[in-house]
Amino acid sequence: MKKRYNLSDVDCANCAAKMEEQISKLPGVNSASISFMAQKLTLDADEDKLDEILKQAEKIIKSIDEEATIEY
């Protein structure tokens, strides 16, 4: 299942790349893409694991940039 989420306060392209790389490695994630310019996260993941994946993705994002968040 592919879904797109808005991000806020991602301050650098390098941080976005690190977030994308780590989120892509989460179990149940088929692919993850972060557009720094558009401040968007596109996530292709198992629908039944989506809530847990989003929680883990939020932790990853916060660990790289404290101010950044996923907007639901």
PDB file of N, CA and C in Angstrom:
ATOM      1  N   MET A   1       0.840  -1.174   0.000  1.00  0.00           N
ATOM      2  CA  MET A   1       0.000   0.000   0.000  1.00  0.00           C
ATOM      3  C   MET A   1       0.887   1.239   0.000  1.00  0.00           C
ATOM      4  N   LYS A   2       0.655   2.120  -0.943  1.00  0.00           N
ATOM      5  CA  LYS A   2       1.452   3.335  -1.063  1.00  0.00           C
ATOM      6  C   LYS A   2       0.667   4.513  -0.489  1.00  0.00           C
ATOM      7  N   LYS A   3       1.327   5.256   0.400  1.00  0.00           N
ATOM      8  CA  LYS A   3       0.698   6.435   1.009  1.00  0.00           C
ATOM      9  C   LYS A   3       1.708   7.566   1.025  1.00  0.00           C
ATOM     10  N   ARG A   4       1.183   8.778   1.018  1.00  0.00           N
ATOM     11  CA  ARG A   4       2.032   9.969   1.056  1.00  0.00           C
ATOM     12  C   ARG A   4       1.660  10.803   2.276  1.00  0.00           C
ATOM     13  N   TYR A   5       2.690  11.280   2.958  1.00  0.00           N
ATOM     14  CA  TYR A   5       2.502  12.094   4.157  1.00  0.00           C
ATOM     15  C   TYR A   5       3.295  13.391   4.026  1.00  0.00           C
ATOM     16  N   ASN A   6       2.754  14.451   4.566  1.00  0.00           N
ATOM     17  CA  ASN A   6       3.482  15.718   4.629  1.00  0.00           C
ATOM     18  C   ASN A   6       4.463  15.652   5.789  1.00  0.00           C
ATOM     19  N   LEU A   7       5.597  16.257   5.598  1.00  0.00           N
ATOM     20  CA  LEU A   7       6.586  16.408   6.663  1.00  0.00           C
ATOM     21  C   LEU A   7       6.681  17.891   6.986  1.00  0.00           C
ATOM     22  N   SER A   8       7.112  18.185   8.185  1.00  0.00           N
ATOM     23  CA  SER A   8       7.358  19.587   8.520  1.00  0.00           C
ATOM     24  C   SER A   8       8.709  19.715   9.198  1.00  0.00           C
ATOM     25  N   ASP A   9       9.366  20.825   8.908  1.00  0.00           N
ATOM     26  CA  ASP A   9      10.620  21.214   9.554  1.00  0.00           C
ATOM     27  C   ASP A   9      11.799  20.292   9.281  1.00  0.00           C
ATOM     28  N   VAL A  10      11.830  19.627   8.126  1.00  0.00           N
ATOM     29  CA  VAL A  10      13.039  18.899   7.726  1.00  0.00           C
ATOM     30  C   VAL A  10      13.976  19.958   7.151  1.00  0.00           C
ATOM     31  N   ASP A  11      15.106  20.191   7.830  1.00  0.00           N
ATOM     32  CA  ASP A  11      15.935  21.353   7.530  1.00  0.00           C
ATOM     33  C   ASP A  11      17.051  21.148   6.514  1.00  0.00           C
ATOM     34  N   CYS A  12      17.408  19.902   6.209  1.00  0.00           N
ATOM     35  CA  CYS A  12      18.495  19.731   5.247  1.00  0.00           C
ATOM     36  C   CYS A  12      18.297  18.476   4.404  1.00  0.00           C
ATOM     37  N   ALA A  13      18.791  18.541   3.180  1.00  0.00           N
ATOM     38  CA  ALA A  13      18.644  17.422   2.249  1.00  0.00           C
ATOM     39  C   ALA A  13      19.402  16.197   2.735  1.00  0.00           C
ATOM     40  N   ASN A  14      20.536  16.401   3.367  1.00  0.00           N
ATOM     41  CA  ASN A  14      21.320  15.285   3.890  1.00  0.00           C
ATOM     42  C   ASN A  14      20.546  14.549   4.987  1.00  0.00           C
ATOM     43  N   CYS A  15      19.866  15.283   5.841  1.00  0.00           N
ATOM     44  CA  CYS A  15      19.043  14.671   6.892  1.00  0.00           C
ATOM     45  C   CYS A  15      17.906  13.864   6.265  1.00  0.00           C
ATOM     46  N   ALA A  16      17.273  14.420   5.239  1.00  0.00           N
ATOM     47  CA  ALA A  16      16.188  13.723   4.552  1.00  0.00           C
ATOM     48  C   ALA A  16      16.690  12.409   3.954  1.00  0.00           C
ATOM     49  N   ALA A  17      17.883  12.425   3.385  1.00  0.00           N
ATOM     50  CA  ALA A  17      18.458  11.212   2.799  1.00  0.00           C
ATOM     51  C   ALA A  17      18.722  10.152   3.870  1.00  0.00           C
ATOM     52  N   LYS A  18      19.221  10.571   5.027  1.00  0.00           N
ATOM     53  CA  LYS A  18      19.455   9.632   6.132  1.00  0.00           C
ATOM     54  C   LYS A  18      18.140   9.026   6.621  1.00  0.00           C
ATOM     55  N   MET A  19      17.109   9.868   6.742  1.00  0.00           N
ATOM     56  CA  MET A  19      15.788   9.395   7.169  1.00  0.00           C
ATOM     57  C   MET A  19      15.261   8.359   6.182  1.00  0.00           C
ATOM     58  N   GLU A  20      15.336   8.687   4.906  1.00  0.00           N
ATOM     59  CA  GLU A  20      14.843   7.801   3.850  1.00  0.00           C
ATOM     60  C   GLU A  20      15.551   6.448   3.906  1.00  0.00           C
ATOM     61  N   GLU A  21      16.858   6.478   4.047  1.00  0.00           N
ATOM     62  CA  GLU A  21      17.642   5.237   4.095  1.00  0.00           C
ATOM     63  C   GLU A  21      17.236   4.357   5.278  1.00  0.00           C
ATOM     64  N   GLN A  22      17.084   4.947   6.444  1.00  0.00           N
ATOM     65  CA  GLN A  22      16.747   4.169   7.636  1.00  0.00           C
ATOM     66  C   GLN A  22      15.304   3.675   7.617  1.00  0.00           C
ATOM     67  N   ILE A  23      14.377   4.499   7.147  1.00  0.00           N
ATOM     68  CA  ILE A  23      12.966   4.087   7.069  1.00  0.00           C
ATOM     69  C   ILE A  23      12.820   2.941   6.071  1.00  0.00           C
ATOM     70  N   SER A  24      13.576   2.984   4.990  1.00  0.00           N
ATOM     71  CA  SER A  24      13.513   1.927   3.963  1.00  0.00           C
ATOM     72  C   SER A  24      13.890   0.557   4.514  1.00  0.00           C
ATOM     73  N   LYS A  25      14.688   0.545   5.570  1.00  0.00           N
ATOM     74  CA  LYS A  25      15.165  -0.719   6.163  1.00  0.00           C
ATOM     75  C   LYS A  25      14.194  -1.322   7.182  1.00  0.00           C
ATOM     76  N   LEU A  26      13.130  -0.600   7.528  1.00  0.00           N
ATOM     77  CA  LEU A  26      12.180  -1.120   8.516  1.00  0.00           C
ATOM     78  C   LEU A  26      11.451  -2.347   7.968  1.00  0.00           C
ATOM     79  N   PRO A  27      11.187  -3.347   8.828  1.00  0.00           N
ATOM     80  CA  PRO A  27      10.428  -4.522   8.386  1.00  0.00           C
ATOM     81  C   PRO A  27       9.028  -4.123   7.905  1.00  0.00           C
ATOM     82  N   GLY A  28       8.635  -4.640   6.769  1.00  0.00           N
ATOM     83  CA  GLY A  28       7.328  -4.344   6.209  1.00  0.00           C
ATOM     84  C   GLY A  28       7.324  -3.191   5.228  1.00  0.00           C
ATOM     85  N   VAL A  29       8.452  -2.481   5.109  1.00  0.00           N
ATOM     86  CA  VAL A  29       8.547  -1.363   4.171  1.00  0.00           C
ATOM     87  C   VAL A  29       9.105  -1.875   2.843  1.00  0.00           C
ATOM     88  N   ASN A  30       8.354  -1.665   1.774  1.00  0.00           N
ATOM     89  CA  ASN A  30       8.818  -2.026   0.437  1.00  0.00           C
ATOM     90  C   ASN A  30       9.707  -0.930  -0.133  1.00  0.00           C
ATOM     91  N   SER A  31       9.304   0.317   0.089  1.00  0.00           N
ATOM     92  CA  SER A  31      10.127   1.453  -0.321  1.00  0.00           C
ATOM     93  C   SER A  31       9.695   2.694   0.453  1.00  0.00           C
ATOM     94  N   ALA A  32      10.647   3.600   0.593  1.00  0.00           N
ATOM     95  CA  ALA A  32      10.379   4.885   1.232  1.00  0.00           C
ATOM     96  C   ALA A  32      11.143   5.946   0.468  1.00  0.00           C
ATOM     97  N   SER A  33      10.494   7.081   0.271  1.00  0.00           N
ATOM     98  CA  SER A  33      11.123   8.174  -0.454  1.00  0.00           C
ATOM     99  C   SER A  33      10.754   9.479   0.231  1.00  0.00           C
ATOM    100  N   ILE A  34      11.758  10.309   0.473  1.00  0.00           N
ATOM    101  CA  ILE A  34      11.510  11.621   1.069  1.00  0.00           C
ATOM    102  C   ILE A  34      11.955  12.686   0.080  1.00  0.00           C
ATOM    103  N   SER A  35      11.036  13.591  -0.226  1.00  0.00           N
ATOM    104  CA  SER A  35      11.354  14.745  -1.052  1.00  0.00           C
ATOM    105  C   SER A  35      11.603  15.915  -0.106  1.00  0.00           C
ATOM    106  N   PHE A  36      12.858  16.324  -0.032  1.00  0.00           N
ATOM    107  CA  PHE A  36      13.219  17.437   0.844  1.00  0.00           C
ATOM    108  C   PHE A  36      12.537  18.728   0.398  1.00  0.00           C
ATOM    109  N   MET A  37      12.556  18.989  -0.901  1.00  0.00           N
ATOM    110  CA  MET A  37      11.974  20.234  -1.415  1.00  0.00           C
ATOM    111  C   MET A  37      10.463  20.297  -1.183  1.00  0.00           C
ATOM    112  N   ALA A  38       9.761  19.180  -1.390  1.00  0.00           N
ATOM    113  CA  ALA A  38       8.305  19.159  -1.223  1.00  0.00           C
ATOM    114  C   ALA A  38       7.888  18.851   0.210  1.00  0.00           C
ATOM    115  N   GLN A  39       8.863  18.439   1.049  1.00  0.00           N
ATOM    116  CA  GLN A  39       8.573  18.054   2.435  1.00  0.00           C
ATOM    117  C   GLN A  39       7.508  16.950   2.468  1.00  0.00           C
ATOM    118  N   LYS A  40       7.767  15.863   1.695  1.00  0.00           N
ATOM    119  CA  LYS A  40       6.834  14.740   1.601  1.00  0.00           C
ATOM    120  C   LYS A  40       7.559  13.420   1.834  1.00  0.00           C
ATOM    121  N   LEU A  41       6.863  12.510   2.491  1.00  0.00           N
ATOM    122  CA  LEU A  41       7.309  11.133   2.666  1.00  0.00           C
ATOM    123  C   LEU A  41       6.349  10.253   1.889  1.00  0.00           C
ATOM    124  N   THR A  42       6.878   9.475   0.944  1.00  0.00           N
ATOM    125  CA  THR A  42       6.077   8.495   0.224  1.00  0.00           C
ATOM    126  C   THR A  42       6.507   7.133   0.724  1.00  0.00           C
ATOM    127  N   LEU A  43       5.536   6.379   1.219  1.00  0.00           N
ATOM    128  CA  LEU A  43       5.813   5.115   1.877  1.00  0.00           C
ATOM    129  C   LEU A  43       5.008   4.004   1.209  1.00  0.00           C
ATOM    130  N   ASP A  44       5.697   2.967   0.766  1.00  0.00           N
ATOM    131  CA  ASP A  44       5.044   1.767   0.235  1.00  0.00           C
ATOM    132  C   ASP A  44       5.327   0.669   1.247  1.00  0.00           C
ATOM    133  N   ALA A  45       4.274   0.247   1.964  1.00  0.00           N
ATOM    134  CA  ALA A  45       4.462  -0.684   3.073  1.00  0.00           C
ATOM    135  C   ALA A  45       3.263  -1.605   3.229  1.00  0.00           C
ATOM    136  N   ASP A  46       3.462  -2.677   4.003  1.00  0.00           N
ATOM    137  CA  ASP A  46       2.376  -3.600   4.308  1.00  0.00           C
ATOM    138  C   ASP A  46       1.300  -2.864   5.095  1.00  0.00           C
ATOM    139  N   GLU A  47       0.074  -2.928   4.604  1.00  0.00           N
ATOM    140  CA  GLU A  47      -1.026  -2.180   5.228  1.00  0.00           C
ATOM    141  C   GLU A  47      -1.269  -2.606   6.677  1.00  0.00           C
ATOM    142  N   ASP A  48      -1.145  -3.891   6.963  1.00  0.00           N
ATOM    143  CA  ASP A  48      -1.416  -4.366   8.321  1.00  0.00           C
ATOM    144  C   ASP A  48      -0.345  -3.952   9.325  1.00  0.00           C
ATOM    145  N   LYS A  49       0.811  -3.506   8.853  1.00  0.00           N
ATOM    146  CA  LYS A  49       1.893  -3.056   9.740  1.00  0.00           C
ATOM    147  C   LYS A  49       2.073  -1.543   9.711  1.00  0.00           C
ATOM    148  N   LEU A  50       1.209  -0.841   8.994  1.00  0.00           N
ATOM    149  CA  LEU A  50       1.410   0.582   8.746  1.00  0.00           C
ATOM    150  C   LEU A  50       1.493   1.418  10.022  1.00  0.00           C
ATOM    151  N   ASP A  51       0.638   1.173  10.993  1.00  0.00           N
ATOM    152  CA  ASP A  51       0.677   1.954  12.236  1.00  0.00           C
ATOM    153  C   ASP A  51       2.020   1.823  12.942  1.00  0.00           C
ATOM    154  N   GLU A  52       2.515   0.599  13.047  1.00  0.00           N
ATOM    155  CA  GLU A  52       3.804   0.365  13.699  1.00  0.00           C
ATOM    156  C   GLU A  52       4.943   0.987  12.890  1.00  0.00           C
ATOM    157  N   ILE A  53       4.868   0.860  11.568  1.00  0.00           N
ATOM    158  CA  ILE A  53       5.904   1.439  10.705  1.00  0.00           C
ATOM    159  C   ILE A  53       5.940   2.959  10.874  1.00  0.00           C
ATOM    160  N   LEU A  54       4.784   3.590  10.941  1.00  0.00           N
ATOM    161  CA  LEU A  54       4.742   5.043  11.125  1.00  0.00           C
ATOM    162  C   LEU A  54       5.325   5.466  12.470  1.00  0.00           C
ATOM    163  N   LYS A  55       5.063   4.693  13.519  1.00  0.00           N
ATOM    164  CA  LYS A  55       5.655   4.994  14.830  1.00  0.00           C
ATOM    165  C   LYS A  55       7.172   4.915  14.762  1.00  0.00           C
ATOM    166  N   GLN A  56       7.681   3.864  14.123  1.00  0.00           N
ATOM    167  CA  GLN A  56       9.122   3.698  13.988  1.00  0.00           C
ATOM    168  C   GLN A  56       9.724   4.795  13.104  1.00  0.00           C
ATOM    169  N   ALA A  57       9.016   5.140  12.025  1.00  0.00           N
ATOM    170  CA  ALA A  57       9.488   6.203  11.133  1.00  0.00           C
ATOM    171  C   ALA A  57       9.578   7.532  11.882  1.00  0.00           C
ATOM    172  N   GLU A  58       8.595   7.806  12.717  1.00  0.00           N
ATOM    173  CA  GLU A  58       8.606   9.040  13.509  1.00  0.00           C
ATOM    174  C   GLU A  58       9.822   9.074  14.443  1.00  0.00           C
ATOM    175  N   LYS A  59      10.133   7.944  15.059  1.00  0.00           N
ATOM    176  CA  LYS A  59      11.313   7.868  15.935  1.00  0.00           C
ATOM    177  C   LYS A  59      12.593   8.128  15.153  1.00  0.00           C
ATOM    178  N   ILE A  60      12.683   7.542  13.966  1.00  0.00           N
ATOM    179  CA  ILE A  60      13.869   7.740  13.120  1.00  0.00           C
ATOM    180  C   ILE A  60      14.005   9.216  12.752  1.00  0.00           C
ATOM    181  N   ILE A  61      12.906   9.817  12.326  1.00  0.00           N
ATOM    182  CA  ILE A  61      12.925  11.224  11.919  1.00  0.00           C
ATOM    183  C   ILE A  61      13.356  12.108  13.083  1.00  0.00           C
ATOM    184  N   LYS A  62      12.793  11.875  14.268  1.00  0.00           N
ATOM    185  CA  LYS A  62      13.144  12.673  15.455  1.00  0.00           C
ATOM    186  C   LYS A  62      14.601  12.468  15.878  1.00  0.00           C
ATOM    187  N   SER A  63      15.127  11.260  15.674  1.00  0.00           N
ATOM    188  CA  SER A  63      16.518  11.002  16.068  1.00  0.00           C
ATOM    189  C   SER A  63      17.503  11.746  15.166  1.00  0.00           C
ATOM    190  N   ILE A  64      17.087  12.043  13.953  1.00  0.00           N
ATOM    191  CA  ILE A  64      17.954  12.745  13.002  1.00  0.00           C
ATOM    192  C   ILE A  64      17.741  14.256  13.076  1.00  0.00           C
ATOM    193  N   ASP A  65      16.498  14.681  13.243  1.00  0.00           N
ATOM    194  CA  ASP A  65      16.163  16.105  13.313  1.00  0.00           C
ATOM    195  C   ASP A  65      15.022  16.275  14.321  1.00  0.00           C
ATOM    196  N   GLU A  66      15.349  16.783  15.509  1.00  0.00           N
ATOM    197  CA  GLU A  66      14.373  16.898  16.601  1.00  0.00           C
ATOM    198  C   GLU A  66      13.127  17.688  16.229  1.00  0.00           C
ATOM    199  N   GLU A  67      13.253  18.652  15.335  1.00  0.00           N
ATOM    200  CA  GLU A  67      12.138  19.523  14.986  1.00  0.00           C
ATOM    201  C   GLU A  67      11.216  18.930  13.933  1.00  0.00           C
ATOM    202  N   ALA A  68      11.693  17.942  13.176  1.00  0.00           N
ATOM    203  CA  ALA A  68      10.927  17.388  12.061  1.00  0.00           C
ATOM    204  C   ALA A  68       9.823  16.463  12.561  1.00  0.00           C
ATOM    205  N   THR A  69       8.686  16.466  11.844  1.00  0.00           N
ATOM    206  CA  THR A  69       7.567  15.597  12.200  1.00  0.00           C
ATOM    207  C   THR A  69       6.834  15.138  10.942  1.00  0.00           C
ATOM    208  N   ILE A  70       6.097  14.036  11.104  1.00  0.00           N
ATOM    209  CA  ILE A  70       5.179  13.559  10.070  1.00  0.00           C
ATOM    210  C   ILE A  70       3.821  14.162  10.398  1.00  0.00           C
ATOM    211  N   GLU A  71       3.183  14.760   9.405  1.00  0.00           N
ATOM    212  CA  GLU A  71       1.845  15.326   9.603  1.00  0.00           C
ATOM    213  C   GLU A  71       0.824  14.329   9.070  1.00  0.00           C
ATOM    214  N   TYR A  72      -0.075  13.906   9.934  1.00  0.00           N
ATOM    215  CA  TYR A  72      -1.089  12.910   9.559  1.00  0.00           C
ATOM    216  C   TYR A  72      -2.350  13.565   9.067  1.00  0.00           C
TER     217      TYR A  72
END
